[in-house]
Each structure stands twice: as C-alpha cells, then as structure tokens.
Amino acid sequence: MSDLVKHISDAEFPAEIAQGVTLVDFWAPWCGPCRQIAPFLDELASEFQGKARIVKINVDDNPGVASQYGIQSIPTLLLFKNGEKVNQKVGGQPKANLKALIESAL
C-alpha cells in the first residue's frame, strides 16, 4: 500500500476535496473489486504526485459521505476539482480508465 494514498474519515472529507484535483475511492475491505484496483490507485498516486491526490474512504466505517453522494455499490470513484464533483466511475476499472479519469480534470 502506498503512503501517497491517504485513508480519510467523513470528518476529513471536506478539507481533502476543497482544493485541486482529488480522486476519492469509496471502498470496503471485504470488496473484491476494491482490492483489485488498489494497486492501480497506488501507482497513480505516485504518477500524479503534486498534480492530483488520491484518497480512500471506507464506507463501513464512514457512511456519512457515502450516503451524501448516494453511493450504492463499491468501488465508486468520485473525482473532485476544487470541491466540486466533476466525474465518477462505478465498479472495477482498468488502470488506463482511472488515469484518463484523473487527467480529465487536470
């Protein structure tokens, strides 16, 4: 697991998305597809270091933000730019799709 991918709580969420480009991964430890994309997110956090951030929020431990954004299945990835949601992907994704998602907001 990369130390560049930050695990956040509901309370930390507003500050984390407030500035710049942030990809938020809504996940849970028991979710197979969530575990499958985790290495891609680690790699992308390194590739986009200084340009975009990647954070993860465990929906079991932090249901507030997931509820606020209507997250019904995981993984769900929401892309924020300066606090505004600009894009989203639901389900397991190839690394190329995740990279394109981040690049779309830069």
C-alpha atoms as a PDB file:
ATOM      1  CA  MET A   1       0.000   0.000   0.000  1.00  0.00           C
ATOM      2  CA  SER A   2       1.339   3.421  -0.962  1.00  0.00           C
ATOM      3  CA  ASP A   3       1.764   6.089   1.662  1.00  0.00           C
ATOM      4  CA  LEU A   4       0.652   8.532  -1.043  1.00  0.00           C
ATOM      5  CA  VAL A   5      -2.923   7.202  -0.873  1.00  0.00           C
ATOM      6  CA  LYS A   6      -4.485   8.666   2.257  1.00  0.00           C
ATOM      7  CA  HIS A   7      -7.261   6.925   4.171  1.00  0.00           C
ATOM      8  CA  ILE A   8      -9.744   9.546   5.354  1.00  0.00           C
ATOM      9  CA  SER A   9     -12.857   9.798   7.507  1.00  0.00           C
ATOM     10  CA  ASP A  10     -16.182  11.548   6.980  1.00  0.00           C
ATOM     11  CA  ALA A  11     -14.845  14.426   9.096  1.00  0.00           C
ATOM     12  CA  GLU A  12     -11.730  14.871   6.946  1.00  0.00           C
ATOM     13  CA  PHE A  13     -13.579  14.658   3.626  1.00  0.00           C
ATOM     14  CA  PRO A  14     -14.487  18.369   3.110  1.00  0.00           C
ATOM     15  CA  ALA A  15     -10.903  19.546   3.635  1.00  0.00           C
ATOM     16  CA  GLU A  16      -9.469  16.798   1.416  1.00  0.00           C
ATOM     17  CA  ILE A  17     -11.550  17.735  -1.636  1.00  0.00           C
ATOM     18  CA  ALA A  18     -11.514  21.522  -1.128  1.00  0.00           C
ATOM     19  CA  GLN A  19      -8.569  22.355  -3.385  1.00  0.00           C
ATOM     20  CA  GLY A  20      -7.081  20.880  -6.510  1.00  0.00           C
ATOM     21  CA  VAL A  21      -7.926  17.537  -8.086  1.00  0.00           C
ATOM     22  CA  THR A  22      -8.824  14.669  -5.745  1.00  0.00           C
ATOM     23  CA  LEU A  23      -9.941  11.154  -6.640  1.00  0.00           C
ATOM     24  CA  VAL A  24     -11.971   9.598  -3.830  1.00  0.00           C
ATOM     25  CA  ASP A  25     -12.231   5.805  -3.703  1.00  0.00           C
ATOM     26  CA  PHE A  26     -15.286   4.605  -1.760  1.00  0.00           C
ATOM     27  CA  TRP A  27     -14.362   1.050  -0.724  1.00  0.00           C
ATOM     28  CA  ALA A  28     -14.561  -1.654   1.954  1.00  0.00           C
ATOM     29  CA  PRO A  29     -12.048  -4.338   2.968  1.00  0.00           C
ATOM     30  CA  TRP A  30     -14.420  -7.184   2.002  1.00  0.00           C
ATOM     31  CA  CYS A  31     -14.914  -5.861  -1.555  1.00  0.00           C
ATOM     32  CA  GLY A  32     -13.011  -7.904  -4.166  1.00  0.00           C
ATOM     33  CA  PRO A  33     -13.047  -5.303  -6.964  1.00  0.00           C
ATOM     34  CA  CYS A  34     -11.915  -2.683  -4.428  1.00  0.00           C
ATOM     35  CA  ARG A  35      -8.869  -4.795  -3.644  1.00  0.00           C
ATOM     36  CA  GLN A  36      -8.218  -5.314  -7.360  1.00  0.00           C
ATOM     37  CA  ILE A  37      -7.972  -1.585  -8.150  1.00  0.00           C
ATOM     38  CA  ALA A  38      -5.952  -0.690  -5.025  1.00  0.00           C
ATOM     39  CA  PRO A  39      -2.544  -1.309  -6.700  1.00  0.00           C
ATOM     40  CA  PHE A  40      -3.586   0.889  -9.641  1.00  0.00           C
ATOM     41  CA  LEU A  41      -4.508   3.692  -7.257  1.00  0.00           C
ATOM     42  CA  ASP A  42      -1.135   3.371  -5.521  1.00  0.00           C
ATOM     43  CA  GLU A  43       0.673   3.614  -8.876  1.00  0.00           C
ATOM     44  CA  LEU A  44      -1.417   6.582  -9.995  1.00  0.00           C
ATOM     45  CA  ALA A  45      -0.838   8.393  -6.693  1.00  0.00           C
ATOM     46  CA  SER A  46       2.874   8.210  -7.473  1.00  0.00           C
ATOM     47  CA  GLU A  47       2.448   9.201 -11.138  1.00  0.00           C
ATOM     48  CA  PHE A  48       0.272  12.214 -10.302  1.00  0.00           C
ATOM     49  CA  GLN A  49       2.134  13.288  -7.154  1.00  0.00           C
ATOM     50  CA  GLY A  50       1.993  17.081  -6.919  1.00  0.00           C
ATOM     51  CA  LYS A  51      -0.806  17.280  -9.525  1.00  0.00           C
ATOM     52  CA  ALA A  52      -3.662  15.231  -8.036  1.00  0.00           C
ATOM     53  CA  ARG A  53      -4.394  13.386  -4.793  1.00  0.00           C
ATOM     54  CA  ILE A  54      -5.994  10.005  -4.240  1.00  0.00           C
ATOM     55  CA  VAL A  55      -7.854   9.299  -1.023  1.00  0.00           C
ATOM     56  CA  LYS A  56      -9.834   6.286   0.176  1.00  0.00           C
ATOM     57  CA  ILE A  57     -12.880   6.288   2.410  1.00  0.00           C
ATOM     58  CA  ASN A  58     -14.079   3.040   3.981  1.00  0.00           C
ATOM     59  CA  VAL A  59     -17.879   3.060   3.599  1.00  0.00           C
ATOM     60  CA  ASP A  60     -18.377   0.670   6.524  1.00  0.00           C
ATOM     61  CA  ASP A  61     -16.543   2.965   8.947  1.00  0.00           C
ATOM     62  CA  ASN A  62     -17.651   6.264   7.353  1.00  0.00           C
ATOM     63  CA  PRO A  63     -21.199   6.001   5.992  1.00  0.00           C
ATOM     64  CA  GLY A  64     -21.952   9.746   6.071  1.00  0.00           C
ATOM     65  CA  VAL A  65     -20.194  10.913   2.922  1.00  0.00           C
ATOM     66  CA  ALA A  66     -21.197   7.740   1.063  1.00  0.00           C
ATOM     67  CA  SER A  67     -24.820   8.468   1.925  1.00  0.00           C
ATOM     68  CA  GLN A  68     -24.454  12.146   0.984  1.00  0.00           C
ATOM     69  CA  TYR A  69     -23.274  11.173  -2.515  1.00  0.00           C
ATOM     70  CA  GLY A  70     -25.707   8.277  -2.953  1.00  0.00           C
ATOM     71  CA  ILE A  71     -23.034   5.573  -3.121  1.00  0.00           C
ATOM     72  CA  GLN A  72     -24.909   2.307  -3.688  1.00  0.00           C
ATOM     73  CA  SER A  73     -22.170  -0.004  -4.920  1.00  0.00           C
ATOM     74  CA  ILE A  74     -18.439  -0.141  -4.421  1.00  0.00           C
ATOM     75  CA  PRO A  75     -15.918   0.603  -5.576  1.00  0.00           C
ATOM     76  CA  THR A  76     -17.231   4.004  -6.579  1.00  0.00           C
ATOM     77  CA  LEU A  77     -14.662   6.605  -7.553  1.00  0.00           C
ATOM     78  CA  LEU A  78     -15.637  10.267  -7.435  1.00  0.00           C
ATOM     79  CA  LEU A  79     -13.395  12.913  -8.959  1.00  0.00           C
ATOM     80  CA  PHE A  80     -13.413  16.370  -7.399  1.00  0.00           C
ATOM     81  CA  LYS A  81     -11.877  19.600  -8.626  1.00  0.00           C
ATOM     82  CA  ASN A  82     -11.740  22.430  -6.088  1.00  0.00           C
ATOM     83  CA  GLY A  83     -14.538  20.861  -4.043  1.00  0.00           C
ATOM     84  CA  GLU A  84     -16.915  20.196  -6.949  1.00  0.00           C
ATOM     85  CA  LYS A  85     -17.691  16.680  -8.181  1.00  0.00           C
ATOM     86  CA  VAL A  86     -16.704  16.570 -11.854  1.00  0.00           C
ATOM     87  CA  ASN A  87     -16.837  12.865 -12.696  1.00  0.00           C
ATOM     88  CA  GLN A  88     -17.418   9.369 -11.368  1.00  0.00           C
ATOM     89  CA  LYS A  89     -16.834   5.714 -12.157  1.00  0.00           C
ATOM     90  CA  VAL A  90     -18.571   2.739 -10.556  1.00  0.00           C
ATOM     91  CA  GLY A  91     -17.087  -0.742 -10.364  1.00  0.00           C
ATOM     92  CA  GLY A  92     -13.653  -2.155 -11.007  1.00  0.00           C
ATOM     93  CA  GLN A  93     -11.724  -0.249 -13.669  1.00  0.00           C
ATOM     94  CA  PRO A  94      -8.536  -0.865 -15.632  1.00  0.00           C
ATOM     95  CA  LYS A  95      -5.654   1.439 -14.694  1.00  0.00           C
ATOM     96  CA  ALA A  96      -5.918   3.237 -18.056  1.00  0.00           C
ATOM     97  CA  ASN A  97      -9.522   4.279 -17.283  1.00  0.00           C
ATOM     98  CA  LEU A  98      -8.529   5.592 -13.857  1.00  0.00           C
ATOM     99  CA  LYS A  99      -5.606   7.507 -15.339  1.00  0.00           C
ATOM    100  CA  ALA A 100      -7.851   9.065 -18.006  1.00  0.00           C
ATOM    101  CA  LEU A 101     -10.366   9.985 -15.315  1.00  0.00           C
ATOM    102  CA  ILE A 102      -7.735  11.948 -13.358  1.00  0.00           C
ATOM    103  CA  GLU A 103      -6.274  13.520 -16.494  1.00  0.00           C
ATOM    104  CA  SER A 104      -9.741  14.769 -17.493  1.00  0.00           C
ATOM    105  CA  ALA A 105      -9.674  17.202 -14.551  1.00  0.00           C
ATOM    106  CA  LEU A 106      -6.088  18.434 -14.866  1.00  0.00           C
END
